[in-house]
Amino acid sequence: QPFASDITNPSLARLAVQIAPAVKSTAIDVGAGDLVSSVS
């Protein structure tokens, strides 16, 4: 959901993402596009 910023036009964002262990032994490779996280 949108979060209201008290800063007009923020220029830099930080994301920290916790990924739980997968059911299968398949490794997650964020660099290969298994997960793409974006900010608006």
PDB file of all heavy atoms in Angstrom:
ATOM      1  N   GLN A   1       0.861  -1.166   0.000  1.00  0.00           N
ATOM      2  CA  GLN A   1       0.000   0.000   0.000  1.00  0.00           C
ATOM      3  C   GLN A   1       0.908   1.229   0.000  1.00  0.00           C
ATOM      4  O   GLN A   1       2.064   1.155   0.445  1.00  0.00           O
ATOM      5  CB  GLN A   1      -0.887   0.005   1.250  1.00  0.00           C
ATOM      6  CG  GLN A   1      -1.912  -1.105   1.267  1.00  0.00           C
ATOM      7  CD  GLN A   1      -2.944  -0.930   0.167  1.00  0.00           C
ATOM      8  OE1 GLN A   1      -3.431   0.162  -0.092  1.00  0.00           O
ATOM      9  NE2 GLN A   1      -3.275  -2.024  -0.500  1.00  0.00           N
ATOM     10  N   PRO A   2       0.444   2.370  -0.466  1.00  0.00           N
ATOM     11  CA  PRO A   2       1.281   3.573  -0.460  1.00  0.00           C
ATOM     12  C   PRO A   2       1.603   4.045   0.959  1.00  0.00           C
ATOM     13  O   PRO A   2       0.774   3.963   1.857  1.00  0.00           O
ATOM     14  CB  PRO A   2       0.429   4.610  -1.183  1.00  0.00           C
ATOM     15  CG  PRO A   2      -0.587   3.835  -1.939  1.00  0.00           C
ATOM     16  CD  PRO A   2      -0.832   2.589  -1.155  1.00  0.00           C
ATOM     17  N   PHE A   3       2.823   4.508   1.131  1.00  0.00           N
ATOM     18  CA  PHE A   3       3.277   5.137   2.371  1.00  0.00           C
ATOM     19  C   PHE A   3       3.489   6.613   2.071  1.00  0.00           C
ATOM     20  O   PHE A   3       4.213   6.955   1.135  1.00  0.00           O
ATOM     21  CB  PHE A   3       4.599   4.536   2.858  1.00  0.00           C
ATOM     22  CG  PHE A   3       4.516   3.089   3.218  1.00  0.00           C
ATOM     23  CD1 PHE A   3       4.778   2.109   2.276  1.00  0.00           C
ATOM     24  CD2 PHE A   3       4.192   2.700   4.512  1.00  0.00           C
ATOM     25  CE1 PHE A   3       4.714   0.762   2.600  1.00  0.00           C
ATOM     26  CE2 PHE A   3       4.125   1.360   4.854  1.00  0.00           C
ATOM     27  CZ  PHE A   3       4.383   0.386   3.893  1.00  0.00           C
ATOM     28  N   ALA A   4       2.881   7.489   2.856  1.00  0.00           N
ATOM     29  CA  ALA A   4       3.037   8.934   2.650  1.00  0.00           C
ATOM     30  C   ALA A   4       4.387   9.382   3.190  1.00  0.00           C
ATOM     31  O   ALA A   4       4.713   9.146   4.345  1.00  0.00           O
ATOM     32  CB  ALA A   4       1.912   9.691   3.339  1.00  0.00           C
ATOM     33  N   SER A   5       5.163  10.015   2.339  1.00  0.00           N
ATOM     34  CA  SER A   5       6.469  10.534   2.740  1.00  0.00           C
ATOM     35  C   SER A   5       6.328  11.981   3.195  1.00  0.00           C
ATOM     36  O   SER A   5       5.597  12.760   2.592  1.00  0.00           O
ATOM     37  CB  SER A   5       7.442  10.474   1.560  1.00  0.00           C
ATOM     38  OG  SER A   5       8.643  11.136   1.887  1.00  0.00           O
ATOM     39  N   ASP A   6       7.055  12.328   4.250  1.00  0.00           N
ATOM     40  CA  ASP A   6       7.088  13.723   4.673  1.00  0.00           C
ATOM     41  C   ASP A   6       8.167  14.492   3.914  1.00  0.00           C
ATOM     42  O   ASP A   6       8.368  15.674   4.139  1.00  0.00           O
ATOM     43  CB  ASP A   6       7.291  13.836   6.184  1.00  0.00           C
ATOM     44  CG  ASP A   6       8.558  13.170   6.660  1.00  0.00           C
ATOM     45  OD1 ASP A   6       9.210  12.463   5.857  1.00  0.00           O
ATOM     46  OD2 ASP A   6       8.919  13.347   7.831  1.00  0.00           O
ATOM     47  N   ILE A   7       8.836  13.813   3.008  1.00  0.00           N
ATOM     48  CA  ILE A   7       9.859  14.415   2.151  1.00  0.00           C
ATOM     49  C   ILE A   7       9.258  14.584   0.755  1.00  0.00           C
ATOM     50  O   ILE A   7       8.711  13.641   0.194  1.00  0.00           O
ATOM     51  CB  ILE A   7      11.113  13.523   2.056  1.00  0.00           C
ATOM     52  CG1 ILE A   7      11.726  13.307   3.438  1.00  0.00           C
ATOM     53  CG2 ILE A   7      12.125  14.115   1.087  1.00  0.00           C
ATOM     54  CD1 ILE A   7      12.803  12.241   3.454  1.00  0.00           C
ATOM     55  N   THR A   8       9.338  15.781   0.223  1.00  0.00           N
ATOM     56  CA  THR A   8       8.866  16.011  -1.136  1.00  0.00           C
ATOM     57  C   THR A   8       9.909  15.477  -2.110  1.00  0.00           C
ATOM     58  O   THR A   8      11.084  15.812  -2.021  1.00  0.00           O
ATOM     59  CB  THR A   8       8.652  17.521  -1.383  1.00  0.00           C
ATOM     60  OG1 THR A   8       7.728  18.009  -0.400  1.00  0.00           O
ATOM     61  CG2 THR A   8       8.098  17.776  -2.770  1.00  0.00           C
ATOM     62  N   ASN A   9       9.482  14.625  -3.002  1.00  0.00           N
ATOM     63  CA  ASN A   9      10.338  14.039  -4.030  1.00  0.00           C
ATOM     64  C   ASN A   9      11.589  13.349  -3.466  1.00  0.00           C
ATOM     65  O   ASN A   9      12.715  13.773  -3.741  1.00  0.00           O
ATOM     66  CB  ASN A   9      10.748  15.085  -5.064  1.00  0.00           C
ATOM     67  CG  ASN A   9       9.562  15.703  -5.750  1.00  0.00           C
ATOM     68  OD1 ASN A   9       8.570  15.034  -6.005  1.00  0.00           O
ATOM     69  ND2 ASN A   9       9.641  16.985  -6.036  1.00  0.00           N
ATOM     70  N   PRO A  10      11.438  12.293  -2.680  1.00  0.00           N
ATOM     71  CA  PRO A  10      12.616  11.551  -2.211  1.00  0.00           C
ATOM     72  C   PRO A  10      13.469  11.133  -3.402  1.00  0.00           C
ATOM     73  O   PRO A  10      12.945  10.870  -4.491  1.00  0.00           O
ATOM     74  CB  PRO A  10      12.020  10.327  -1.516  1.00  0.00           C
ATOM     75  CG  PRO A  10      10.603  10.661  -1.249  1.00  0.00           C
ATOM     76  CD  PRO A  10      10.186  11.651  -2.287  1.00  0.00           C
ATOM     77  N   SER A  11      14.778  11.084  -3.209  1.00  0.00           N
ATOM     78  CA  SER A  11      15.663  10.761  -4.327  1.00  0.00           C
ATOM     79  C   SER A  11      16.335   9.397  -4.205  1.00  0.00           C
ATOM     80  O   SER A  11      16.830   8.857  -5.188  1.00  0.00           O
ATOM     81  CB  SER A  11      16.739  11.836  -4.467  1.00  0.00           C
ATOM     82  OG  SER A  11      17.552  11.874  -3.311  1.00  0.00           O
ATOM     83  N   LEU A  12      16.366   8.833  -3.006  1.00  0.00           N
ATOM     84  CA  LEU A  12      17.031   7.551  -2.794  1.00  0.00           C
ATOM     85  C   LEU A  12      16.170   6.694  -1.878  1.00  0.00           C
ATOM     86  O   LEU A  12      15.627   7.194  -0.887  1.00  0.00           O
ATOM     87  CB  LEU A  12      18.409   7.753  -2.151  1.00  0.00           C
ATOM     88  CG  LEU A  12      19.254   6.499  -1.945  1.00  0.00           C
ATOM     89  CD1 LEU A  12      19.728   5.940  -3.294  1.00  0.00           C
ATOM     90  CD2 LEU A  12      20.455   6.791  -1.063  1.00  0.00           C
ATOM     91  N   ALA A  13      16.036   5.425  -2.229  1.00  0.00           N
ATOM     92  CA  ALA A  13      15.271   4.489  -1.393  1.00  0.00           C
ATOM     93  C   ALA A  13      16.139   3.283  -1.077  1.00  0.00           C
ATOM     94  O   ALA A  13      17.042   2.927  -1.843  1.00  0.00           O
ATOM     95  CB  ALA A  13      14.005   4.049  -2.109  1.00  0.00           C
ATOM     96  N   ARG A  14      15.858   2.669   0.068  1.00  0.00           N
ATOM     97  CA  ARG A  14      16.536   1.443   0.507  1.00  0.00           C
ATOM     98  C   ARG A  14      15.475   0.380   0.746  1.00  0.00           C
ATOM     99  O   ARG A  14      14.449   0.648   1.354  1.00  0.00           O
ATOM    100  CB  ARG A  14      17.291   1.696   1.804  1.00  0.00           C
ATOM    101  CG  ARG A  14      17.859   0.443   2.429  1.00  0.00           C
ATOM    102  CD  ARG A  14      18.466   0.749   3.818  1.00  0.00           C
ATOM    103  NE  ARG A  14      18.826  -0.462   4.506  1.00  0.00           N
ATOM    104  CZ  ARG A  14      18.094  -1.056   5.450  1.00  0.00           C
ATOM    105  NH1 ARG A  14      16.951  -0.521   5.839  1.00  0.00           N
ATOM    106  NH2 ARG A  14      18.489  -2.166   6.013  1.00  0.00           N
ATOM    107  N   LEU A  15      15.739  -0.808   0.240  1.00  0.00           N
ATOM    108  CA  LEU A  15      14.878  -1.956   0.508  1.00  0.00           C
ATOM    109  C   LEU A  15      15.695  -3.026   1.220  1.00  0.00           C
ATOM    110  O   LEU A  15      16.837  -3.288   0.851  1.00  0.00           O
ATOM    111  CB  LEU A  15      14.342  -2.564  -0.788  1.00  0.00           C
ATOM    112  CG  LEU A  15      13.220  -1.843  -1.503  1.00  0.00           C
ATOM    113  CD1 LEU A  15      12.872  -2.578  -2.793  1.00  0.00           C
ATOM    114  CD2 LEU A  15      11.992  -1.736  -0.631  1.00  0.00           C
ATOM    115  N   ALA A  16      15.109  -3.630   2.234  1.00  0.00           N
ATOM    116  CA  ALA A  16      15.660  -4.816   2.868  1.00  0.00           C
ATOM    117  C   ALA A  16      14.560  -5.864   2.807  1.00  0.00           C
ATOM    118  O   ALA A  16      13.421  -5.599   3.196  1.00  0.00           O
ATOM    119  CB  ALA A  16      16.066  -4.538   4.306  1.00  0.00           C
ATOM    120  N   VAL A  17      14.888  -7.032   2.282  1.00  0.00           N
ATOM    121  CA  VAL A  17      13.903  -8.073   2.043  1.00  0.00           C
ATOM    122  C   VAL A  17      14.360  -9.354   2.726  1.00  0.00           C
ATOM    123  O   VAL A  17      15.498  -9.791   2.519  1.00  0.00           O
ATOM    124  CB  VAL A  17      13.718  -8.330   0.526  1.00  0.00           C
ATOM    125  CG1 VAL A  17      12.641  -9.362   0.268  1.00  0.00           C
ATOM    126  CG2 VAL A  17      13.424  -7.035  -0.211  1.00  0.00           C
ATOM    127  N   GLN A  18      13.490  -9.935   3.535  1.00  0.00           N
ATOM    128  CA  GLN A  18      13.792 -11.222   4.157  1.00  0.00           C
ATOM    129  C   GLN A  18      13.055 -12.298   3.380  1.00  0.00           C
ATOM    130  O   GLN A  18      11.842 -12.224   3.189  1.00  0.00           O
ATOM    131  CB  GLN A  18      13.364 -11.259   5.618  1.00  0.00           C
ATOM    132  CG  GLN A  18      13.705 -12.578   6.285  1.00  0.00           C
ATOM    133  CD  GLN A  18      13.420 -12.574   7.779  1.00  0.00           C
ATOM    134  OE1 GLN A  18      13.097 -11.541   8.361  1.00  0.00           O
ATOM    135  NE2 GLN A  18      13.539 -13.737   8.384  1.00  0.00           N
ATOM    136  N   ILE A  19      13.814 -13.288   2.919  1.00  0.00           N
ATOM    137  CA  ILE A  19      13.248 -14.387   2.155  1.00  0.00           C
ATOM    138  C   ILE A  19      13.376 -15.653   2.979  1.00  0.00           C
ATOM    139  O   ILE A  19      14.476 -16.042   3.380  1.00  0.00           O
ATOM    140  CB  ILE A  19      13.963 -14.537   0.800  1.00  0.00           C
ATOM    141  CG1 ILE A  19      13.807 -13.247  -0.010  1.00  0.00           C
ATOM    142  CG2 ILE A  19      13.406 -15.736   0.038  1.00  0.00           C
ATOM    143  CD1 ILE A  19      14.570 -13.230  -1.295  1.00  0.00           C
ATOM    144  N   ALA A  20      12.240 -16.289   3.250  1.00  0.00           N
ATOM    145  CA  ALA A  20      12.206 -17.523   4.020  1.00  0.00           C
ATOM    146  C   ALA A  20      12.780 -18.660   3.175  1.00  0.00           C
ATOM    147  O   ALA A  20      12.777 -18.588   1.946  1.00  0.00           O
ATOM    148  CB  ALA A  20      10.775 -17.833   4.441  1.00  0.00           C
ATOM    149  N   PRO A  21      13.246 -19.715   3.836  1.00  0.00           N
ATOM    150  CA  PRO A  21      13.792 -20.845   3.069  1.00  0.00           C
ATOM    151  C   PRO A  21      12.740 -21.423   2.127  1.00  0.00           C
ATOM    152  O   PRO A  21      11.566 -21.517   2.474  1.00  0.00           O
ATOM    153  CB  PRO A  21      14.159 -21.873   4.149  1.00  0.00           C
ATOM    154  CG  PRO A  21      14.221 -21.104   5.421  1.00  0.00           C
ATOM    155  CD  PRO A  21      13.299 -19.933   5.270  1.00  0.00           C
ATOM    156  N   ALA A  22      13.174 -21.806   0.950  1.00  0.00           N
ATOM    157  CA  ALA A  22      12.270 -22.401  -0.033  1.00  0.00           C
ATOM    158  C   ALA A  22      11.957 -23.840   0.347  1.00  0.00           C
ATOM    159  O   ALA A  22      12.747 -24.509   1.009  1.00  0.00           O
ATOM    160  CB  ALA A  22      12.902 -22.346  -1.426  1.00  0.00           C
ATOM    161  N   VAL A  23      10.799 -24.290  -0.097  1.00  0.00           N
ATOM    162  CA  VAL A  23      10.417 -25.680   0.139  1.00  0.00           C
ATOM    163  C   VAL A  23      11.354 -26.599  -0.644  1.00  0.00           C
ATOM    164  O   VAL A  23      11.810 -27.615  -0.158  1.00  0.00           O
ATOM    165  CB  VAL A  23       8.947 -25.911  -0.283  1.00  0.00           C
ATOM    166  CG1 VAL A  23       8.586 -27.376  -0.185  1.00  0.00           C
ATOM    167  CG2 VAL A  23       8.020 -25.070   0.579  1.00  0.00           C
ATOM    168  N   LYS A  24      11.647 -26.232  -1.858  1.00  0.00           N
ATOM    169  CA  LYS A  24      12.576 -26.991  -2.684  1.00  0.00           C
ATOM    170  C   LYS A  24      13.975 -26.445  -2.457  1.00  0.00           C
ATOM    171  O   LYS A  24      14.166 -25.345  -1.971  1.00  0.00           O
ATOM    172  CB  LYS A  24      12.199 -26.863  -4.156  1.00  0.00           C
ATOM    173  CG  LYS A  24      10.807 -27.401  -4.457  1.00  0.00           C
ATOM    174  CD  LYS A  24      10.462 -27.190  -5.901  1.00  0.00           C
ATOM    175  CE  LYS A  24       9.048 -27.660  -6.174  1.00  0.00           C
ATOM    176  NZ  LYS A  24       8.610 -27.362  -7.519  1.00  0.00           N
ATOM    177  N   SER A  25      14.968 -27.199  -2.844  1.00  0.00           N
ATOM    178  CA  SER A  25      16.350 -26.768  -2.644  1.00  0.00           C
ATOM    179  C   SER A  25      16.841 -25.863  -3.764  1.00  0.00           C
ATOM    180  O   SER A  25      18.013 -25.825  -4.066  1.00  0.00           O
ATOM    181  CB  SER A  25      17.258 -27.998  -2.525  1.00  0.00           C
ATOM    182  OG  SER A  25      17.181 -28.751  -3.725  1.00  0.00           O
ATOM    183  N   THR A  26      15.932 -25.155  -4.399  1.00  0.00           N
ATOM    184  CA  THR A  26      16.289 -24.257  -5.489  1.00  0.00           C
ATOM    185  C   THR A  26      16.789 -22.937  -4.929  1.00  0.00           C
ATOM    186  O   THR A  26      16.089 -22.279  -4.169  1.00  0.00           O
ATOM    187  CB  THR A  26      15.060 -23.993  -6.382  1.00  0.00           C
ATOM    188  OG1 THR A  26      14.475 -25.241  -6.725  1.00  0.00           O
ATOM    189  CG2 THR A  26      15.447 -23.257  -7.625  1.00  0.00           C
ATOM    190  N   ALA A  27      17.993 -22.554  -5.271  1.00  0.00           N
ATOM    191  CA  ALA A  27      18.562 -21.294  -4.776  1.00  0.00           C
ATOM    192  C   ALA A  27      17.902 -20.111  -5.479  1.00  0.00           C
ATOM    193  O   ALA A  27      17.600 -20.164  -6.665  1.00  0.00           O
ATOM    194  CB  ALA A  27      20.065 -21.268  -5.023  1.00  0.00           C
ATOM    195  N   ILE A  28      17.686 -19.054  -4.730  1.00  0.00           N
ATOM    196  CA  ILE A  28      17.142 -17.812  -5.278  1.00  0.00           C
ATOM    197  C   ILE A  28      18.317 -16.979  -5.766  1.00  0.00           C
ATOM    198  O   ILE A  28      19.279 -16.757  -5.036  1.00  0.00           O
ATOM    199  CB  ILE A  28      16.368 -17.026  -4.197  1.00  0.00           C
ATOM    200  CG1 ILE A  28      15.261 -17.888  -3.589  1.00  0.00           C
ATOM    201  CG2 ILE A  28      15.809 -15.731  -4.768  1.00  0.00           C
ATOM    202  CD1 ILE A  28      14.249 -18.403  -4.568  1.00  0.00           C
ATOM    203  N   ASP A  29      18.247 -16.533  -6.998  1.00  0.00           N
ATOM    204  CA  ASP A  29      19.296 -15.690  -7.560  1.00  0.00           C
ATOM    205  C   ASP A  29      18.668 -14.364  -7.955  1.00  0.00           C
ATOM    206  O   ASP A  29      18.054 -14.251  -9.014  1.00  0.00           O
ATOM    207  CB  ASP A  29      19.939 -16.365  -8.766  1.00  0.00           C
ATOM    208  CG  ASP A  29      21.119 -15.590  -9.321  1.00  0.00           C
ATOM    209  OD1 ASP A  29      21.364 -14.448  -8.875  1.00  0.00           O
ATOM    210  OD2 ASP A  29      21.803 -16.111 -10.213  1.00  0.00           O
ATOM    211  N   VAL A  30      18.788 -13.359  -7.053  1.00  0.00           N
ATOM    212  CA  VAL A  30      18.167 -12.071  -7.351  1.00  0.00           C
ATOM    213  C   VAL A  30      18.801 -11.424  -8.572  1.00  0.00           C
ATOM    214  O   VAL A  30      18.151 -10.694  -9.296  1.00  0.00           O
ATOM    215  CB  VAL A  30      18.186 -11.118  -6.130  1.00  0.00           C
ATOM    216  CG1 VAL A  30      17.356 -11.682  -5.004  1.00  0.00           C
ATOM    217  CG2 VAL A  30      19.589 -10.840  -5.664  1.00  0.00           C
ATOM    218  N   GLY A  31      20.069 -11.705  -8.820  1.00  0.00           N
ATOM    219  CA  GLY A  31      20.743 -11.145  -9.988  1.00  0.00           C
ATOM    220  C   GLY A  31      20.226 -11.698 -11.302  1.00  0.00           C
ATOM    221  O   GLY A  31      20.311 -11.057 -12.334  1.00  0.00           O
ATOM    222  N   ALA A  32      19.674 -12.913 -11.275  1.00  0.00           N
ATOM    223  CA  ALA A  32      19.151 -13.536 -12.490  1.00  0.00           C
ATOM    224  C   ALA A  32      17.671 -13.249 -12.693  1.00  0.00           C
ATOM    225  O   ALA A  32      17.049 -13.776 -13.604  1.00  0.00           O
ATOM    226  CB  ALA A  32      19.387 -15.040 -12.438  1.00  0.00           C
ATOM    227  N   GLY A  33      17.086 -12.442 -11.827  1.00  0.00           N
ATOM    228  CA  GLY A  33      15.694 -12.066 -12.003  1.00  0.00           C
ATOM    229  C   GLY A  33      14.697 -12.986 -11.336  1.00  0.00           C
ATOM    230  O   GLY A  33      13.507 -12.902 -11.613  1.00  0.00           O
ATOM    231  N   ASP A  34      15.157 -13.898 -10.458  1.00  0.00           N
ATOM    232  CA  ASP A  34      14.202 -14.724  -9.721  1.00  0.00           C
ATOM    233  C   ASP A  34      13.307 -13.834  -8.864  1.00  0.00           C
ATOM    234  O   ASP A  34      12.155 -14.150  -8.625  1.00  0.00           O
ATOM    235  CB  ASP A  34      14.927 -15.726  -8.815  1.00  0.00           C
ATOM    236  CG  ASP A  34      15.719 -16.748  -9.608  1.00  0.00           C
ATOM    237  OD1 ASP A  34      15.468 -16.907 -10.821  1.00  0.00           O
ATOM    238  OD2 ASP A  34      16.594 -17.394  -9.013  1.00  0.00           O
ATOM    239  N   LEU A  35      13.868 -12.732  -8.383  1.00  0.00           N
ATOM    240  CA  LEU A  35      13.121 -11.743  -7.614  1.00  0.00           C
ATOM    241  C   LEU A  35      13.579 -10.360  -8.050  1.00  0.00           C
ATOM    242  O   LEU A  35      14.771 -10.055  -8.009  1.00  0.00           O
ATOM    243  CB  LEU A  35      13.370 -11.908  -6.105  1.00  0.00           C
ATOM    244  CG  LEU A  35      12.753 -10.827  -5.214  1.00  0.00           C
ATOM    245  CD1 LEU A  35      11.234 -10.902  -5.256  1.00  0.00           C
ATOM    246  CD2 LEU A  35      13.252 -10.971  -3.783  1.00  0.00           C
ATOM    247  N   VAL A  36      12.634  -9.538  -8.484  1.00  0.00           N
ATOM    248  CA  VAL A  36      12.937  -8.150  -8.840  1.00  0.00           C
ATOM    249  C   VAL A  36      12.126  -7.274  -7.894  1.00  0.00           C
ATOM    250  O   VAL A  36      10.898  -7.333  -7.874  1.00  0.00           O
ATOM    251  CB  VAL A  36      12.579  -7.842 -10.306  1.00  0.00           C
ATOM    252  CG1 VAL A  36      12.828  -6.370 -10.613  1.00  0.00           C
ATOM    253  CG2 VAL A  36      13.363  -8.735 -11.248  1.00  0.00           C
ATOM    254  N   SER A  37      12.824  -6.476  -7.096  1.00  0.00           N
ATOM    255  CA  SER A  37      12.188  -5.574  -6.140  1.00  0.00           C
ATOM    256  C   SER A  37      12.383  -4.142  -6.623  1.00  0.00           C
ATOM    257  O   SER A  37      13.496  -3.759  -6.988  1.00  0.00           O
ATOM    258  CB  SER A  37      12.789  -5.757  -4.753  1.00  0.00           C
ATOM    259  OG  SER A  37      12.542  -7.067  -4.294  1.00  0.00           O
ATOM    260  N   SER A  38      11.312  -3.375  -6.612  1.00  0.00           N
ATOM    261  CA  SER A  38      11.335  -2.019  -7.166  1.00  0.00           C
ATOM    262  C   SER A  38      10.667  -1.047  -6.212  1.00  0.00           C
ATOM    263  O   SER A  38       9.896  -1.448  -5.334  1.00  0.00           O
ATOM    264  CB  SER A  38      10.587  -1.989  -8.502  1.00  0.00           C
ATOM    265  OG  SER A  38      11.111  -2.932  -9.404  1.00  0.00           O
ATOM    266  N   VAL A  39      10.933   0.245  -6.432  1.00  0.00           N
ATOM    267  CA  VAL A  39      10.371   1.313  -5.606  1.00  0.00           C
ATOM    268  C   VAL A  39       9.760   2.376  -6.507  1.00  0.00           C
ATOM    269  O   VAL A  39      10.275   2.674  -7.586  1.00  0.00           O
ATOM    270  CB  VAL A  39      11.457   1.953  -4.706  1.00  0.00           C
ATOM    271  CG1 VAL A  39      10.917   3.142  -3.940  1.00  0.00           C
ATOM    272  CG2 VAL A  39      12.037   0.927  -3.749  1.00  0.00           C
ATOM    273  N   SER A  40       8.661   2.955  -6.025  1.00  0.00           N
ATOM    274  CA  SER A  40       7.980   4.053  -6.706  1.00  0.00           C
ATOM    275  C   SER A  40       7.781   5.194  -5.717  1.00  0.00           C
ATOM    276  O   SER A  40       7.502   4.957  -4.543  1.00  0.00           O
ATOM    277  CB  SER A  40       6.616   3.587  -7.218  1.00  0.00           C
ATOM    278  OG  SER A  40       5.860   4.674  -7.697  1.00  0.00           O
TER     279      SER A  40
END
